[in-house]
Amino acid sequence: RREMLKFGAATMAVTLQPAAFAKSAEKTRSTASPSPD
């Protein structure tokens, strides 16, 4: 998770699923310019 936060001023959207708090870092992805899909 620490490494994924080192992106300067880029944007990150994170979905924390209740049953998988410890795995929340795996669900992160950049959404600065997302396509609909």
PDB file of all heavy atoms in Angstrom:
ATOM      1  N   ARG A   1       0.810  -1.213   0.000  1.00  0.00           N
ATOM      2  CA  ARG A   1       0.000   0.000   0.000  1.00  0.00           C
ATOM      3  C   ARG A   1       0.842   1.261   0.000  1.00  0.00           C
ATOM      4  O   ARG A   1       0.508   2.243  -0.656  1.00  0.00           O
ATOM      5  CB  ARG A   1      -0.931  -0.028   1.213  1.00  0.00           C
ATOM      6  CG  ARG A   1      -1.939   1.090   1.220  1.00  0.00           C
ATOM      7  CD  ARG A   1      -2.943   0.873   2.319  1.00  0.00           C
ATOM      8  NE  ARG A   1      -3.951   1.922   2.271  1.00  0.00           N
ATOM      9  CZ  ARG A   1      -5.226   1.713   2.457  1.00  0.00           C
ATOM     10  NH1 ARG A   1      -5.673   0.514   2.650  1.00  0.00           N
ATOM     11  NH2 ARG A   1      -6.083   2.712   2.436  1.00  0.00           N
ATOM     12  N   ARG A   2       1.949   1.234   0.754  1.00  0.00           N
ATOM     13  CA  ARG A   2       2.813   2.415   0.815  1.00  0.00           C
ATOM     14  C   ARG A   2       3.353   2.765  -0.567  1.00  0.00           C
ATOM     15  O   ARG A   2       3.408   3.924  -0.959  1.00  0.00           O
ATOM     16  CB  ARG A   2       3.964   2.172   1.783  1.00  0.00           C
ATOM     17  CG  ARG A   2       3.532   2.133   3.240  1.00  0.00           C
ATOM     18  CD  ARG A   2       3.057   3.472   3.718  1.00  0.00           C
ATOM     19  NE  ARG A   2       2.681   3.434   5.106  1.00  0.00           N
ATOM     20  CZ  ARG A   2       1.972   4.363   5.711  1.00  0.00           C
ATOM     21  NH1 ARG A   2       1.540   5.395   5.024  1.00  0.00           N
ATOM     22  NH2 ARG A   2       1.672   4.256   6.980  1.00  0.00           N
ATOM     23  N   GLU A   3       3.772   1.746  -1.307  1.00  0.00           N
ATOM     24  CA  GLU A   3       4.318   2.002  -2.636  1.00  0.00           C
ATOM     25  C   GLU A   3       3.256   2.580  -3.557  1.00  0.00           C
ATOM     26  O   GLU A   3       3.534   3.452  -4.379  1.00  0.00           O
ATOM     27  CB  GLU A   3       4.877   0.696  -3.221  1.00  0.00           C
ATOM     28  CG  GLU A   3       6.148   0.215  -2.542  1.00  0.00           C
ATOM     29  CD  GLU A   3       7.280   1.231  -2.677  1.00  0.00           C
ATOM     30  OE1 GLU A   3       7.469   1.770  -3.793  1.00  0.00           O
ATOM     31  OE2 GLU A   3       7.960   1.499  -1.678  1.00  0.00           O
ATOM     32  N   MET A   4       2.038   2.104  -3.410  1.00  0.00           N
ATOM     33  CA  MET A   4       0.989   2.575  -4.318  1.00  0.00           C
ATOM     34  C   MET A   4       0.600   4.020  -4.044  1.00  0.00           C
ATOM     35  O   MET A   4      -0.007   4.677  -4.883  1.00  0.00           O
ATOM     36  CB  MET A   4      -0.238   1.670  -4.209  1.00  0.00           C
ATOM     37  CG  MET A   4       0.036   0.241  -4.684  1.00  0.00           C
ATOM     38  SD  MET A   4      -1.481  -0.691  -4.913  1.00  0.00           S
ATOM     39  CE  MET A   4      -2.059   0.053  -6.433  1.00  0.00           C
ATOM     40  N   LEU A   5       0.922   4.504  -2.823  1.00  0.00           N
ATOM     41  CA  LEU A   5       0.589   5.884  -2.500  1.00  0.00           C
ATOM     42  C   LEU A   5       1.640   6.876  -2.996  1.00  0.00           C
ATOM     43  O   LEU A   5       1.450   8.082  -2.924  1.00  0.00           O
ATOM     44  CB  LEU A   5       0.414   6.039  -0.986  1.00  0.00           C
ATOM     45  CG  LEU A   5      -0.826   5.336  -0.413  1.00  0.00           C
ATOM     46  CD1 LEU A   5      -0.797   5.393   1.107  1.00  0.00           C
ATOM     47  CD2 LEU A   5      -2.091   5.992  -0.937  1.00  0.00           C
ATOM     48  N   LYS A   6       2.742   6.357  -3.505  1.00  0.00           N
ATOM     49  CA  LYS A   6       3.823   7.241  -3.956  1.00  0.00           C
ATOM     50  C   LYS A   6       3.652   7.594  -5.430  1.00  0.00           C
ATOM     51  O   LYS A   6       4.431   7.220  -6.294  1.00  0.00           O
ATOM     52  CB  LYS A   6       5.172   6.560  -3.724  1.00  0.00           C
ATOM     53  CG  LYS A   6       5.481   6.316  -2.247  1.00  0.00           C
ATOM     54  CD  LYS A   6       6.799   5.596  -2.075  1.00  0.00           C
ATOM     55  CE  LYS A   6       7.118   5.342  -0.613  1.00  0.00           C
ATOM     56  NZ  LYS A   6       8.380   4.597  -0.459  1.00  0.00           N
ATOM     57  N   PHE A   7       2.585   8.339  -5.702  1.00  0.00           N
ATOM     58  CA  PHE A   7       2.341   8.674  -7.102  1.00  0.00           C
ATOM     59  C   PHE A   7       2.186  10.176  -7.270  1.00  0.00           C
ATOM     60  O   PHE A   7       1.481  10.651  -8.146  1.00  0.00           O
ATOM     61  CB  PHE A   7       1.074   7.963  -7.612  1.00  0.00           C
ATOM     62  CG  PHE A   7      -0.136   8.238  -6.786  1.00  0.00           C
ATOM     63  CD1 PHE A   7      -0.929   9.336  -7.048  1.00  0.00           C
ATOM     64  CD2 PHE A   7      -0.478   7.394  -5.749  1.00  0.00           C
ATOM     65  CE1 PHE A   7      -2.044   9.592  -6.287  1.00  0.00           C
ATOM     66  CE2 PHE A   7      -1.605   7.649  -4.991  1.00  0.00           C
ATOM     67  CZ  PHE A   7      -2.382   8.755  -5.258  1.00  0.00           C
ATOM     68  N   GLY A   8       2.839  10.935  -6.346  1.00  0.00           N
ATOM     69  CA  GLY A   8       2.766  12.383  -6.434  1.00  0.00           C
ATOM     70  C   GLY A   8       1.356  12.859  -6.238  1.00  0.00           C
ATOM     71  O   GLY A   8       0.707  12.536  -5.287  1.00  0.00           O
ATOM     72  N   ALA A   9       0.863  13.655  -7.189  1.00  0.00           N
ATOM     73  CA  ALA A   9      -0.471  14.234  -7.059  1.00  0.00           C
ATOM     74  C   ALA A   9      -1.499  13.476  -7.867  1.00  0.00           C
ATOM     75  O   ALA A   9      -2.605  13.958  -8.052  1.00  0.00           O
ATOM     76  CB  ALA A   9      -0.443  15.692  -7.520  1.00  0.00           C
ATOM     77  N   ALA A  10      -1.152  12.298  -8.357  1.00  0.00           N
ATOM     78  CA  ALA A  10      -2.128  11.510  -9.114  1.00  0.00           C
ATOM     79  C   ALA A  10      -3.242  11.050  -8.194  1.00  0.00           C
ATOM     80  O   ALA A  10      -3.114  11.061  -6.987  1.00  0.00           O
ATOM     81  CB  ALA A  10      -1.449  10.304  -9.754  1.00  0.00           C
ATOM     82  N   THR A  11      -4.341  10.618  -8.785  1.00  0.00           N
ATOM     83  CA  THR A  11      -5.513  10.230  -8.015  1.00  0.00           C
ATOM     84  C   THR A  11      -5.588   8.729  -7.876  1.00  0.00           C
ATOM     85  O   THR A  11      -5.269   8.015  -8.798  1.00  0.00           O
ATOM     86  CB  THR A  11      -6.788  10.734  -8.723  1.00  0.00           C
ATOM     87  OG1 THR A  11      -6.672  12.132  -8.874  1.00  0.00           O
ATOM     88  CG2 THR A  11      -8.032  10.401  -7.922  1.00  0.00           C
ATOM     89  N   MET A  12      -6.050   8.275  -6.686  1.00  0.00           N
ATOM     90  CA  MET A  12      -6.248   6.851  -6.468  1.00  0.00           C
ATOM     91  C   MET A  12      -7.628   6.641  -5.867  1.00  0.00           C
ATOM     92  O   MET A  12      -8.001   7.321  -4.927  1.00  0.00           O
ATOM     93  CB  MET A  12      -5.188   6.308  -5.510  1.00  0.00           C
ATOM     94  CG  MET A  12      -5.300   4.800  -5.251  1.00  0.00           C
ATOM     95  SD  MET A  12      -4.108   4.262  -4.034  1.00  0.00           S
ATOM     96  CE  MET A  12      -2.622   4.465  -4.975  1.00  0.00           C
ATOM     97  N   ALA A  13      -8.394   5.718  -6.404  1.00  0.00           N
ATOM     98  CA  ALA A  13      -9.686   5.360  -5.828  1.00  0.00           C
ATOM     99  C   ALA A  13      -9.573   3.976  -5.231  1.00  0.00           C
ATOM    100  O   ALA A  13      -9.056   3.072  -5.865  1.00  0.00           O
ATOM    101  CB  ALA A  13     -10.771   5.374  -6.903  1.00  0.00           C
ATOM    102  N   VAL A  14     -10.056   3.823  -4.013  1.00  0.00           N
ATOM    103  CA  VAL A  14      -9.912   2.572  -3.303  1.00  0.00           C
ATOM    104  C   VAL A  14     -11.278   2.095  -2.842  1.00  0.00           C
ATOM    105  O   VAL A  14     -12.014   2.856  -2.247  1.00  0.00           O
ATOM    106  CB  VAL A  14      -9.003   2.749  -2.058  1.00  0.00           C
ATOM    107  CG1 VAL A  14      -8.811   1.416  -1.346  1.00  0.00           C
ATOM    108  CG2 VAL A  14      -7.676   3.328  -2.459  1.00  0.00           C
ATOM    109  N   THR A  15     -11.604   0.866  -3.119  1.00  0.00           N
ATOM    110  CA  THR A  15     -12.811   0.265  -2.580  1.00  0.00           C
ATOM    111  C   THR A  15     -12.416  -0.682  -1.477  1.00  0.00           C
ATOM    112  O   THR A  15     -11.723  -1.657  -1.717  1.00  0.00           O
ATOM    113  CB  THR A  15     -13.551  -0.523  -3.669  1.00  0.00           C
ATOM    114  OG1 THR A  15     -13.801   0.350  -4.763  1.00  0.00           O
ATOM    115  CG2 THR A  15     -14.861  -1.072  -3.124  1.00  0.00           C
ATOM    116  N   LEU A  16     -12.850  -0.386  -0.235  1.00  0.00           N
ATOM    117  CA  LEU A  16     -12.554  -1.258   0.890  1.00  0.00           C
ATOM    118  C   LEU A  16     -13.744  -2.180   1.109  1.00  0.00           C
ATOM    119  O   LEU A  16     -14.785  -1.749   1.565  1.00  0.00           O
ATOM    120  CB  LEU A  16     -12.296  -0.424   2.155  1.00  0.00           C
ATOM    121  CG  LEU A  16     -11.058   0.472   2.113  1.00  0.00           C
ATOM    122  CD1 LEU A  16     -10.923   1.205   3.429  1.00  0.00           C
ATOM    123  CD2 LEU A  16      -9.814  -0.335   1.828  1.00  0.00           C
ATOM    124  N   GLN A  17     -13.591  -3.429   0.778  1.00  0.00           N
ATOM    125  CA  GLN A  17     -14.668  -4.374   1.002  1.00  0.00           C
ATOM    126  C   GLN A  17     -14.646  -4.801   2.464  1.00  0.00           C
ATOM    127  O   GLN A  17     -13.604  -5.143   3.008  1.00  0.00           O
ATOM    128  CB  GLN A  17     -14.485  -5.599   0.095  1.00  0.00           C
ATOM    129  CG  GLN A  17     -14.550  -5.259  -1.381  1.00  0.00           C
ATOM    130  CD  GLN A  17     -15.911  -4.711  -1.772  1.00  0.00           C
ATOM    131  OE1 GLN A  17     -16.893  -4.986  -1.108  1.00  0.00           O
ATOM    132  NE2 GLN A  17     -15.965  -3.962  -2.841  1.00  0.00           N
ATOM    133  N   PRO A  18     -15.795  -4.829   3.163  1.00  0.00           N
ATOM    134  CA  PRO A  18     -15.821  -5.127   4.585  1.00  0.00           C
ATOM    135  C   PRO A  18     -15.169  -6.449   4.942  1.00  0.00           C
ATOM    136  O   PRO A  18     -14.534  -6.580   5.977  1.00  0.00           O
ATOM    137  CB  PRO A  18     -17.323  -5.143   4.904  1.00  0.00           C
ATOM    138  CG  PRO A  18     -17.937  -4.290   3.849  1.00  0.00           C
ATOM    139  CD  PRO A  18     -17.098  -4.488   2.621  1.00  0.00           C
ATOM    140  N   ALA A  19     -15.317  -7.454   4.118  1.00  0.00           N
ATOM    141  CA  ALA A  19     -14.794  -8.762   4.471  1.00  0.00           C
ATOM    142  C   ALA A  19     -13.321  -8.921   4.140  1.00  0.00           C
ATOM    143  O   ALA A  19     -12.739  -9.963   4.373  1.00  0.00           O
ATOM    144  CB  ALA A  19     -15.585  -9.852   3.747  1.00  0.00           C
ATOM    145  N   ALA A  20     -12.728  -7.872   3.588  1.00  0.00           N
ATOM    146  CA  ALA A  20     -11.336  -8.026   3.149  1.00  0.00           C
ATOM    147  C   ALA A  20     -10.537  -6.769   3.400  1.00  0.00           C
ATOM    148  O   ALA A  20      -9.892  -6.233   2.522  1.00  0.00           O
ATOM    149  CB  ALA A  20     -11.305  -8.388   1.670  1.00  0.00           C
ATOM    150  N   PHE A  21     -10.572  -6.282   4.635  1.00  0.00           N
ATOM    151  CA  PHE A  21      -9.860  -5.059   4.972  1.00  0.00           C
ATOM    152  C   PHE A  21      -8.376  -5.209   4.725  1.00  0.00           C
ATOM    153  O   PHE A  21      -7.726  -4.331   4.171  1.00  0.00           O
ATOM    154  CB  PHE A  21     -10.114  -4.721   6.447  1.00  0.00           C
ATOM    155  CG  PHE A  21      -9.431  -3.468   6.902  1.00  0.00           C
ATOM    156  CD1 PHE A  21     -10.064  -2.241   6.789  1.00  0.00           C
ATOM    157  CD2 PHE A  21      -8.158  -3.501   7.443  1.00  0.00           C
ATOM    158  CE1 PHE A  21      -9.447  -1.082   7.214  1.00  0.00           C
ATOM    159  CE2 PHE A  21      -7.539  -2.348   7.866  1.00  0.00           C
ATOM    160  CZ  PHE A  21      -8.184  -1.150   7.756  1.00  0.00           C
ATOM    161  N   ALA A  22      -7.833  -6.353   5.095  1.00  0.00           N
ATOM    162  CA  ALA A  22      -6.389  -6.557   4.946  1.00  0.00           C
ATOM    163  C   ALA A  22      -5.963  -6.614   3.500  1.00  0.00           C
ATOM    164  O   ALA A  22      -4.794  -6.425   3.171  1.00  0.00           O
ATOM    165  CB  ALA A  22      -5.983  -7.846   5.649  1.00  0.00           C
ATOM    166  N   LYS A  23      -6.913  -6.888   2.591  1.00  0.00           N
ATOM    167  CA  LYS A  23      -6.580  -6.995   1.179  1.00  0.00           C
ATOM    168  C   LYS A  23      -6.948  -5.739   0.405  1.00  0.00           C
ATOM    169  O   LYS A  23      -6.953  -5.735  -0.813  1.00  0.00           O
ATOM    170  CB  LYS A  23      -7.309  -8.195   0.563  1.00  0.00           C
ATOM    171  CG  LYS A  23      -6.876  -9.524   1.167  1.00  0.00           C
ATOM    172  CD  LYS A  23      -7.600 -10.673   0.480  1.00  0.00           C
ATOM    173  CE  LYS A  23      -7.167 -12.006   1.059  1.00  0.00           C
ATOM    174  NZ  LYS A  23      -7.869 -13.141   0.415  1.00  0.00           N
ATOM    175  N   SER A  24      -7.254  -4.661   1.135  1.00  0.00           N
ATOM    176  CA  SER A  24      -7.738  -3.467   0.446  1.00  0.00           C
ATOM    177  C   SER A  24      -6.706  -2.896  -0.519  1.00  0.00           C
ATOM    178  O   SER A  24      -7.053  -2.316  -1.549  1.00  0.00           O
ATOM    179  CB  SER A  24      -8.142  -2.400   1.469  1.00  0.00           C
ATOM    180  OG  SER A  24      -7.032  -2.032   2.258  1.00  0.00           O
ATOM    181  N   ALA A  25      -5.419  -3.053  -0.199  1.00  0.00           N
ATOM    182  CA  ALA A  25      -4.392  -2.522  -1.097  1.00  0.00           C
ATOM    183  C   ALA A  25      -4.441  -3.186  -2.458  1.00  0.00           C
ATOM    184  O   ALA A  25      -4.125  -2.571  -3.477  1.00  0.00           O
ATOM    185  CB  ALA A  25      -3.009  -2.722  -0.475  1.00  0.00           C
ATOM    186  N   GLU A  26      -4.845  -4.449  -2.499  1.00  0.00           N
ATOM    187  CA  GLU A  26      -4.903  -5.158  -3.761  1.00  0.00           C
ATOM    188  C   GLU A  26      -6.009  -4.618  -4.661  1.00  0.00           C
ATOM    189  O   GLU A  26      -6.008  -4.850  -5.868  1.00  0.00           O
ATOM    190  CB  GLU A  26      -5.143  -6.645  -3.490  1.00  0.00           C
ATOM    191  CG  GLU A  26      -4.038  -7.290  -2.658  1.00  0.00           C
ATOM    192  CD  GLU A  26      -4.385  -8.715  -2.310  1.00  0.00           C
ATOM    193  OE1 GLU A  26      -5.340  -9.261  -2.902  1.00  0.00           O
ATOM    194  OE2 GLU A  26      -3.708  -9.289  -1.452  1.00  0.00           O
ATOM    195  N   LYS A  27      -6.965  -3.885  -4.051  1.00  0.00           N
ATOM    196  CA  LYS A  27      -8.099  -3.404  -4.825  1.00  0.00           C
ATOM    197  C   LYS A  27      -7.883  -1.990  -5.346  1.00  0.00           C
ATOM    198  O   LYS A  27      -8.756  -1.415  -5.964  1.00  0.00           O
ATOM    199  CB  LYS A  27      -9.370  -3.453  -3.962  1.00  0.00           C
ATOM    200  CG  LYS A  27      -9.738  -4.863  -3.533  1.00  0.00           C
ATOM    201  CD  LYS A  27     -10.995  -4.855  -2.673  1.00  0.00           C
ATOM    202  CE  LYS A  27     -11.381  -6.262  -2.254  1.00  0.00           C
ATOM    203  NZ  LYS A  27     -11.818  -7.074  -3.386  1.00  0.00           N
ATOM    204  N   THR A  28      -6.741  -1.370  -5.021  1.00  0.00           N
ATOM    205  CA  THR A  28      -6.495  -0.009  -5.445  1.00  0.00           C
ATOM    206  C   THR A  28      -6.080   0.020  -6.905  1.00  0.00           C
ATOM    207  O   THR A  28      -5.438  -0.880  -7.412  1.00  0.00           O
ATOM    208  CB  THR A  28      -5.380   0.635  -4.598  1.00  0.00           C
ATOM    209  OG1 THR A  28      -4.184  -0.086  -4.803  1.00  0.00           O
ATOM    210  CG2 THR A  28      -5.739   0.636  -3.135  1.00  0.00           C
ATOM    211  N   ARG A  29      -6.477   1.109  -7.565  1.00  0.00           N
ATOM    212  CA  ARG A  29      -6.039   1.305  -8.946  1.00  0.00           C
ATOM    213  C   ARG A  29      -6.176   2.788  -9.287  1.00  0.00           C
ATOM    214  O   ARG A  29      -6.983   3.499  -8.719  1.00  0.00           O
ATOM    215  CB  ARG A  29      -6.872   0.458  -9.916  1.00  0.00           C
ATOM    216  CG  ARG A  29      -8.304   0.942 -10.069  1.00  0.00           C
ATOM    217  CD  ARG A  29      -9.068   0.101 -11.069  1.00  0.00           C
ATOM    218  NE  ARG A  29      -9.422  -1.186 -10.496  1.00  0.00           N
ATOM    219  CZ  ARG A  29     -10.191  -2.055 -11.131  1.00  0.00           C
ATOM    220  NH1 ARG A  29     -10.636  -1.798 -12.341  1.00  0.00           N
ATOM    221  NH2 ARG A  29     -10.508  -3.204 -10.566  1.00  0.00           N
ATOM    222  N   SER A  30      -5.385   3.261 -10.193  1.00  0.00           N
ATOM    223  CA  SER A  30      -5.458   4.656 -10.609  1.00  0.00           C
ATOM    224  C   SER A  30      -6.711   4.880 -11.433  1.00  0.00           C
ATOM    225  O   SER A  30      -7.060   4.081 -12.289  1.00  0.00           O
ATOM    226  CB  SER A  30      -4.235   5.030 -11.443  1.00  0.00           C
ATOM    227  OG  SER A  30      -4.393   6.327 -11.967  1.00  0.00           O
ATOM    228  N   THR A  31      -7.426   5.989 -11.134  1.00  0.00           N
ATOM    229  CA  THR A  31      -8.628   6.322 -11.906  1.00  0.00           C
ATOM    230  C   THR A  31      -8.567   7.772 -12.354  1.00  0.00           C
ATOM    231  O   THR A  31      -9.562   8.472 -12.385  1.00  0.00           O
ATOM    232  CB  THR A  31      -9.900   6.090 -11.074  1.00  0.00           C
ATOM    233  OG1 THR A  31      -9.817   6.863  -9.884  1.00  0.00           O
ATOM    234  CG2 THR A  31     -10.051   4.629 -10.689  1.00  0.00           C
ATOM    235  N   ALA A  32      -7.368   8.225 -12.684  1.00  0.00           N
ATOM    236  CA  ALA A  32      -7.223   9.609 -13.110  1.00  0.00           C
ATOM    237  C   ALA A  32      -8.005   9.887 -14.384  1.00  0.00           C
ATOM    238  O   ALA A  32      -8.626  10.926 -14.519  1.00  0.00           O
ATOM    239  CB  ALA A  32      -5.745   9.932 -13.318  1.00  0.00           C
ATOM    240  N   SER A  33      -7.982   8.961 -15.327  1.00  0.00           N
ATOM    241  CA  SER A  33      -8.728   9.123 -16.574  1.00  0.00           C
ATOM    242  C   SER A  33      -9.356   7.791 -16.962  1.00  0.00           C
ATOM    243  O   SER A  33      -8.958   7.153 -17.931  1.00  0.00           O
ATOM    244  CB  SER A  33      -7.808   9.633 -17.692  1.00  0.00           C
ATOM    245  OG  SER A  33      -7.212  10.855 -17.351  1.00  0.00           O
ATOM    246  N   PRO A  34     -10.346   7.315 -16.180  1.00  0.00           N
ATOM    247  CA  PRO A  34     -10.875   5.977 -16.420  1.00  0.00           C
ATOM    248  C   PRO A  34     -11.779   5.946 -17.637  1.00  0.00           C
ATOM    249  O   PRO A  34     -12.456   6.904 -17.953  1.00  0.00           O
ATOM    250  CB  PRO A  34     -11.670   5.694 -15.143  1.00  0.00           C
ATOM    251  CG  PRO A  34     -12.122   7.048 -14.690  1.00  0.00           C
ATOM    252  CD  PRO A  34     -11.017   7.998 -15.069  1.00  0.00           C
ATOM    253  N   SER A  35     -11.771   4.824 -18.322  1.00  0.00           N
ATOM    254  CA  SER A  35     -12.752   4.594 -19.375  1.00  0.00           C
ATOM    255  C   SER A  35     -13.956   3.910 -18.756  1.00  0.00           C
ATOM    256  O   SER A  35     -13.863   3.353 -17.667  1.00  0.00           O
ATOM    257  CB  SER A  35     -12.135   3.710 -20.465  1.00  0.00           C
ATOM    258  OG  SER A  35     -11.755   2.462 -19.909  1.00  0.00           O
ATOM    259  N   PRO A  36     -15.113   3.937 -19.405  1.00  0.00           N
ATOM    260  CA  PRO A  36     -16.320   3.386 -18.807  1.00  0.00           C
ATOM    261  C   PRO A  36     -16.182   1.943 -18.363  1.00  0.00           C
ATOM    262  O   PRO A  36     -16.787   1.525 -17.384  1.00  0.00           O
ATOM    263  CB  PRO A  36     -17.362   3.543 -19.929  1.00  0.00           C
ATOM    264  CG  PRO A  36     -16.864   4.684 -20.755  1.00  0.00           C
ATOM    265  CD  PRO A  36     -15.375   4.575 -20.710  1.00  0.00           C
ATOM    266  N   ASP A  37     -15.385   1.133 -19.090  1.00  0.00           N
ATOM    267  CA  ASP A  37     -15.289  -0.275 -18.735  1.00  0.00           C
ATOM    268  C   ASP A  37     -14.250  -0.546 -17.656  1.00  0.00           C
ATOM    269  O   ASP A  37     -14.042  -1.685 -17.257  1.00  0.00           O
ATOM    270  CB  ASP A  37     -14.984  -1.118 -19.978  1.00  0.00           C
ATOM    271  CG  ASP A  37     -13.665  -0.704 -20.636  1.00  0.00           C
ATOM    272  OD1 ASP A  37     -13.190   0.403 -20.338  1.00  0.00           O
ATOM    273  OD2 ASP A  37     -13.141  -1.501 -21.446  1.00  0.00           O
TER     274      ASP A  37
END
